Every structure is written in structure tokens, then in C-alpha cells.
């Protein structure tokens, strides 16, 4: 999955953001599971990137929740 920019996230609807959040959480579980099982991570910086994107999505969802 490619890097998702803040601008792209803000243009998405609430349902899209929640769907993307679930996809990213599943990907994070897979990546962490692979590392825990002893295999070498294909892209070591990917876990950090996924965690940051999850945090961005949660922030946007909380902002929108306060507005509505």
C-alpha cells in the first residue's frame, strides 16, 4: 500500500476512513506477526509508516466527530 497523504485522508468520507483504518490495522498485524515469527521485514520503515497513518486517520475522525 502506498503512502497516504493528509490531503487525501481529509478528502475521504467517514465510511472510507473507517474502512481504510481497518485495512491498515490488518496490515500492521501481518507485519508485526512476520517480525515476531522471526522473518526479516521486507521494509522495516513500513510499520512506523502504518502506525502514523492510523494515528492521522483517528485524529481526523475525532475532529469530524467534534464538528458534527
N, C-alpha and C. Protein backbone atom coordinates (compact mmCIF):
# COMPACT_ATOMS: atom_id res chain seq x y z
N UNK A 1 0.84 -1.16 0.00
CA UNK A 1 0.00 0.00 0.00
C UNK A 1 0.90 1.24 0.00
N UNK A 2 0.52 2.21 -0.77
CA UNK A 2 1.32 3.42 -0.90
C UNK A 2 1.11 4.36 0.28
N UNK A 3 1.96 5.35 0.38
CA UNK A 3 1.83 6.36 1.42
C UNK A 3 0.56 7.16 1.17
N UNK A 4 -0.20 7.42 2.22
CA UNK A 4 -1.43 8.19 2.10
C UNK A 4 -1.18 9.57 2.69
N UNK A 5 -1.38 10.58 1.90
CA UNK A 5 -1.13 11.96 2.33
C UNK A 5 -2.30 12.48 3.17
N UNK A 6 -2.02 13.48 4.00
CA UNK A 6 -3.06 14.08 4.84
C UNK A 6 -4.18 14.67 3.98
N UNK A 7 -3.80 15.28 2.88
CA UNK A 7 -4.78 15.89 1.99
C UNK A 7 -5.75 14.84 1.45
N UNK A 8 -5.23 13.68 1.10
CA UNK A 8 -6.06 12.59 0.59
C UNK A 8 -6.99 12.08 1.69
N UNK A 9 -6.48 11.96 2.90
CA UNK A 9 -7.29 11.48 4.01
C UNK A 9 -8.43 12.45 4.31
N UNK A 10 -8.15 13.73 4.29
CA UNK A 10 -9.17 14.72 4.61
C UNK A 10 -10.26 14.78 3.54
N UNK A 11 -9.94 14.37 2.32
CA UNK A 11 -10.95 14.39 1.25
C UNK A 11 -11.86 13.16 1.29
N UNK A 12 -11.50 12.16 2.09
CA UNK A 12 -12.31 10.93 2.19
C UNK A 12 -13.48 11.15 3.14
N UNK A 13 -14.53 10.37 2.92
CA UNK A 13 -15.69 10.39 3.80
C UNK A 13 -15.41 9.56 5.04
N UNK A 14 -16.33 9.65 6.01
CA UNK A 14 -16.16 8.93 7.27
C UNK A 14 -16.11 7.42 7.05
N UNK A 15 -16.99 6.92 6.19
CA UNK A 15 -17.04 5.47 5.94
C UNK A 15 -15.74 5.00 5.28
N UNK A 16 -15.24 5.78 4.34
CA UNK A 16 -13.98 5.43 3.67
C UNK A 16 -12.83 5.40 4.67
N UNK A 17 -12.80 6.38 5.56
CA UNK A 17 -11.73 6.45 6.56
C UNK A 17 -11.76 5.23 7.48
N UNK A 18 -12.97 4.85 7.89
CA UNK A 18 -13.09 3.69 8.78
C UNK A 18 -12.65 2.41 8.07
N UNK A 19 -12.99 2.30 6.79
CA UNK A 19 -12.58 1.14 6.00
C UNK A 19 -11.05 1.10 5.86
N UNK A 20 -10.45 2.24 5.56
CA UNK A 20 -9.00 2.34 5.42
C UNK A 20 -8.32 2.03 6.75
N UNK A 21 -8.92 2.47 7.84
CA UNK A 21 -8.38 2.20 9.17
C UNK A 21 -8.32 0.70 9.43
N UNK A 22 -9.38 -0.01 9.11
CA UNK A 22 -9.40 -1.46 9.31
C UNK A 22 -8.36 -2.16 8.43
N UNK A 23 -8.21 -1.70 7.19
CA UNK A 23 -7.20 -2.27 6.30
C UNK A 23 -5.80 -2.08 6.86
N UNK A 24 -5.53 -0.88 7.35
CA UNK A 24 -4.20 -0.58 7.89
C UNK A 24 -3.93 -1.37 9.17
N UNK A 25 -4.94 -1.52 10.01
CA UNK A 25 -4.75 -2.31 11.24
C UNK A 25 -4.46 -3.77 10.90
N UNK A 26 -5.13 -4.29 9.88
CA UNK A 26 -4.88 -5.68 9.46
C UNK A 26 -3.46 -5.81 8.91
N UNK A 27 -3.04 -4.82 8.12
CA UNK A 27 -1.69 -4.85 7.56
C UNK A 27 -0.64 -4.76 8.67
N UNK A 28 -0.90 -3.93 9.68
CA UNK A 28 0.02 -3.80 10.80
C UNK A 28 0.14 -5.11 11.56
N UNK A 29 -1.00 -5.80 11.76
CA UNK A 29 -0.96 -7.12 12.42
C UNK A 29 -0.11 -8.10 11.63
N UNK A 30 -0.27 -8.11 10.30
CA UNK A 30 0.52 -9.01 9.45
C UNK A 30 2.01 -8.70 9.54
N UNK A 31 2.35 -7.41 9.46
CA UNK A 31 3.76 -7.01 9.52
C UNK A 31 4.38 -7.38 10.87
N UNK A 32 3.67 -7.08 11.96
CA UNK A 32 4.19 -7.40 13.29
C UNK A 32 4.29 -8.90 13.49
N UNK A 33 3.33 -9.63 12.95
CA UNK A 33 3.36 -11.09 13.04
C UNK A 33 4.55 -11.68 12.31
N UNK A 34 4.86 -11.12 11.16
CA UNK A 34 6.00 -11.60 10.38
C UNK A 34 7.31 -11.36 11.14
N UNK A 35 7.43 -10.20 11.75
CA UNK A 35 8.64 -9.88 12.51
C UNK A 35 8.73 -10.78 13.75
N UNK A 36 7.59 -11.01 14.41
CA UNK A 36 7.58 -11.83 15.61
C UNK A 36 7.93 -13.29 15.31
N UNK A 37 7.58 -13.74 14.10
CA UNK A 37 7.87 -15.14 13.75
C UNK A 37 9.32 -15.35 13.34
N UNK A 38 10.06 -14.26 13.27
CA UNK A 38 11.48 -14.38 13.01
C UNK A 38 11.91 -14.06 11.59
N UNK A 39 10.96 -13.79 10.71
CA UNK A 39 11.35 -13.43 9.35
C UNK A 39 11.78 -11.97 9.31
N UNK A 40 12.64 -11.67 8.38
CA UNK A 40 13.13 -10.30 8.26
C UNK A 40 12.08 -9.45 7.55
N UNK A 41 11.86 -8.25 8.06
CA UNK A 41 10.87 -7.35 7.47
C UNK A 41 11.35 -6.91 6.09
N UNK A 42 10.44 -6.95 5.14
CA UNK A 42 10.77 -6.54 3.78
C UNK A 42 11.10 -5.06 3.73
N UNK A 43 10.29 -4.26 4.44
CA UNK A 43 10.52 -2.82 4.51
C UNK A 43 10.39 -2.43 5.99
N UNK A 44 11.50 -2.28 6.68
CA UNK A 44 11.46 -2.02 8.12
C UNK A 44 10.74 -0.72 8.50
N UNK A 45 10.76 0.27 7.67
CA UNK A 45 10.10 1.54 7.98
C UNK A 45 8.61 1.50 7.77
N UNK A 46 8.10 0.44 7.20
CA UNK A 46 6.68 0.33 6.89
C UNK A 46 5.82 0.30 8.15
N UNK A 47 6.27 -0.37 9.20
CA UNK A 47 5.48 -0.45 10.43
C UNK A 47 5.28 0.95 11.01
N UNK A 48 6.32 1.73 11.05
CA UNK A 48 6.24 3.10 11.55
C UNK A 48 5.29 3.93 10.70
N UNK A 49 5.38 3.76 9.40
CA UNK A 49 4.52 4.50 8.47
C UNK A 49 3.04 4.13 8.68
N UNK A 50 2.77 2.85 8.86
CA UNK A 50 1.39 2.40 9.08
C UNK A 50 0.85 2.98 10.38
N UNK A 51 1.66 2.95 11.43
CA UNK A 51 1.22 3.48 12.72
C UNK A 51 0.91 4.97 12.64
N UNK A 52 1.73 5.71 11.92
CA UNK A 52 1.49 7.15 11.76
C UNK A 52 0.20 7.42 11.00
N UNK A 53 -0.02 6.63 9.94
CA UNK A 53 -1.23 6.81 9.15
C UNK A 53 -2.47 6.49 9.97
N UNK A 54 -2.40 5.44 10.78
CA UNK A 54 -3.52 5.09 11.66
C UNK A 54 -3.80 6.27 12.61
N UNK A 55 -2.76 6.85 13.16
CA UNK A 55 -2.93 7.99 14.07
C UNK A 55 -3.55 9.18 13.34
N UNK A 56 -3.15 9.42 12.11
CA UNK A 56 -3.73 10.53 11.33
C UNK A 56 -5.22 10.30 11.10
N UNK A 57 -5.58 9.07 10.74
CA UNK A 57 -6.99 8.77 10.49
C UNK A 57 -7.80 8.96 11.76
N UNK A 58 -7.30 8.46 12.88
CA UNK A 58 -8.01 8.61 14.14
C UNK A 58 -8.18 10.08 14.51
N UNK A 59 -7.16 10.87 14.25
CA UNK A 59 -7.23 12.31 14.54
C UNK A 59 -8.31 12.97 13.70
N UNK A 60 -8.34 12.65 12.42
CA UNK A 60 -9.34 13.24 11.52
C UNK A 60 -10.74 12.82 11.93
N UNK A 61 -10.91 11.54 12.28
CA UNK A 61 -12.23 11.06 12.71
C UNK A 61 -12.67 11.77 13.99
N UNK A 62 -11.75 11.98 14.92
CA UNK A 62 -12.10 12.68 16.16
C UNK A 62 -12.46 14.15 15.89
N UNK A 63 -11.74 14.79 14.97
CA UNK A 63 -12.05 16.17 14.62
C UNK A 63 -13.44 16.27 14.02
N UNK A 64 -13.75 15.34 13.14
CA UNK A 64 -15.07 15.37 12.49
C UNK A 64 -16.18 15.03 13.48
N UNK A 65 -15.88 14.17 14.43
CA UNK A 65 -16.87 13.82 15.45
C UNK A 65 -17.23 15.03 16.30
N UNK A 66 -16.26 15.89 16.56
CA UNK A 66 -16.49 17.07 17.37
C UNK A 66 -17.29 18.13 16.60
N UNK A 67 -17.11 18.15 15.27
CA UNK A 67 -17.80 19.12 14.44
C UNK A 67 -19.28 18.79 14.29
N UNK A 68 -19.59 17.50 14.21
CA UNK A 68 -20.97 17.09 13.91
C UNK A 68 -21.82 17.01 15.15
